[in-house]
């Protein structure tokens, strides 16, 4: 299955790090992507519903 994911600036993604069988658009509602770390450490992208609630962490540089 080929799905054309784009950055928010409408530039196409040319890299393919999808996990095996992804993207599969389960339920026709998976229009966002996540890094699924329980699989391969390189091919670990998974398409996910944009309304999914996931845990995350963000790191920001210090303020001088």
C-alpha atoms as a PDB file:
ATOM      1  CA  UNK A   1       0.000   0.000   0.000  1.00  0.00           C
ATOM      2  CA  UNK A   2       1.356   3.424  -0.872  1.00  0.00           C
ATOM      3  CA  UNK A   3       0.274   6.457   1.108  1.00  0.00           C
ATOM      4  CA  UNK A   4       1.655   9.905   0.334  1.00  0.00           C
ATOM      5  CA  UNK A   5       2.460  11.502   3.713  1.00  0.00           C
ATOM      6  CA  UNK A   6       3.574  15.130   3.595  1.00  0.00           C
ATOM      7  CA  UNK A   7       5.270  17.540   5.943  1.00  0.00           C
ATOM      8  CA  UNK A   8       3.124  20.446   7.080  1.00  0.00           C
ATOM      9  CA  UNK A   9       4.848  22.569   4.431  1.00  0.00           C
ATOM     10  CA  UNK A  10       3.355  20.215   1.779  1.00  0.00           C
ATOM     11  CA  UNK A  11       6.748  18.745   0.860  1.00  0.00           C
ATOM     12  CA  UNK A  12       6.566  15.029   0.104  1.00  0.00           C
ATOM     13  CA  UNK A  13       8.370  12.518   2.319  1.00  0.00           C
ATOM     14  CA  UNK A  14      10.927  10.580   0.314  1.00  0.00           C
ATOM     15  CA  UNK A  15      12.228   8.401   3.126  1.00  0.00           C
ATOM     16  CA  UNK A  16      10.699   5.063   3.936  1.00  0.00           C
ATOM     17  CA  UNK A  17      11.089   3.972   7.541  1.00  0.00           C
ATOM     18  CA  UNK A  18       7.686   2.310   7.793  1.00  0.00           C
ATOM     19  CA  UNK A  19       7.424  -0.841   9.895  1.00  0.00           C
ATOM     20  CA  UNK A  20       6.512  -3.965   7.905  1.00  0.00           C
ATOM     21  CA  UNK A  21       2.880  -3.745   6.745  1.00  0.00           C
ATOM     22  CA  UNK A  22       2.681   0.009   7.368  1.00  0.00           C
ATOM     23  CA  UNK A  23       1.162   2.363   6.532  1.00  0.00           C
ATOM     24  CA  UNK A  24      -2.083   0.389   6.475  1.00  0.00           C
ATOM     25  CA  UNK A  25      -4.711   3.044   7.338  1.00  0.00           C
ATOM     26  CA  UNK A  26      -6.616   0.734   9.688  1.00  0.00           C
ATOM     27  CA  UNK A  27     -10.243   1.830   9.883  1.00  0.00           C
ATOM     28  CA  UNK A  28      -9.562   4.486   7.222  1.00  0.00           C
ATOM     29  CA  UNK A  29      -8.623   6.920  10.009  1.00  0.00           C
ATOM     30  CA  UNK A  30      -4.836   6.722  10.341  1.00  0.00           C
ATOM     31  CA  UNK A  31      -3.596   9.975   8.852  1.00  0.00           C
ATOM     32  CA  UNK A  32      -0.744  10.727  11.291  1.00  0.00           C
ATOM     33  CA  UNK A  33       2.447   8.860  12.125  1.00  0.00           C
ATOM     34  CA  UNK A  34       4.300   7.709  15.232  1.00  0.00           C
ATOM     35  CA  UNK A  35       7.643   6.081  15.938  1.00  0.00           C
ATOM     36  CA  UNK A  36       6.802   2.587  17.154  1.00  0.00           C
ATOM     37  CA  UNK A  37       9.808   1.530  19.220  1.00  0.00           C
ATOM     38  CA  UNK A  38       8.652  -2.040  19.890  1.00  0.00           C
ATOM     39  CA  UNK A  39       9.709  -3.029  16.363  1.00  0.00           C
ATOM     40  CA  UNK A  40      12.860  -2.609  14.330  1.00  0.00           C
ATOM     41  CA  UNK A  41      14.997   0.345  15.430  1.00  0.00           C
ATOM     42  CA  UNK A  42      15.141   1.719  11.869  1.00  0.00           C
ATOM     43  CA  UNK A  43      11.928   0.644  10.131  1.00  0.00           C
ATOM     44  CA  UNK A  44       9.672   1.736  12.981  1.00  0.00           C
ATOM     45  CA  UNK A  45       7.138   4.238  11.618  1.00  0.00           C
ATOM     46  CA  UNK A  46       3.468   3.431  12.129  1.00  0.00           C
ATOM     47  CA  UNK A  47       0.438   5.280  10.817  1.00  0.00           C
ATOM     48  CA  UNK A  48      -1.887   6.266  13.644  1.00  0.00           C
ATOM     49  CA  UNK A  49      -5.138   8.113  14.167  1.00  0.00           C
ATOM     50  CA  UNK A  50      -4.457  11.821  14.702  1.00  0.00           C
ATOM     51  CA  UNK A  51      -6.805  11.763  17.692  1.00  0.00           C
ATOM     52  CA  UNK A  52      -4.773   9.064  19.500  1.00  0.00           C
ATOM     53  CA  UNK A  53      -3.528  10.139  22.914  1.00  0.00           C
ATOM     54  CA  UNK A  54       0.147   9.189  23.271  1.00  0.00           C
ATOM     55  CA  UNK A  55       2.848   9.937  25.829  1.00  0.00           C
ATOM     56  CA  UNK A  56       5.737  12.069  24.635  1.00  0.00           C
ATOM     57  CA  UNK A  57       8.696  14.064  25.844  1.00  0.00           C
ATOM     58  CA  UNK A  58      10.259  17.169  24.365  1.00  0.00           C
ATOM     59  CA  UNK A  59      13.751  18.524  25.018  1.00  0.00           C
ATOM     60  CA  UNK A  60      14.605  22.171  24.521  1.00  0.00           C
ATOM     61  CA  UNK A  61      17.948  23.940  24.690  1.00  0.00           C
ATOM     62  CA  UNK A  62      18.737  26.081  27.725  1.00  0.00           C
ATOM     63  CA  UNK A  63      18.100  29.811  27.858  1.00  0.00           C
ATOM     64  CA  UNK A  64      21.175  32.016  28.262  1.00  0.00           C
END
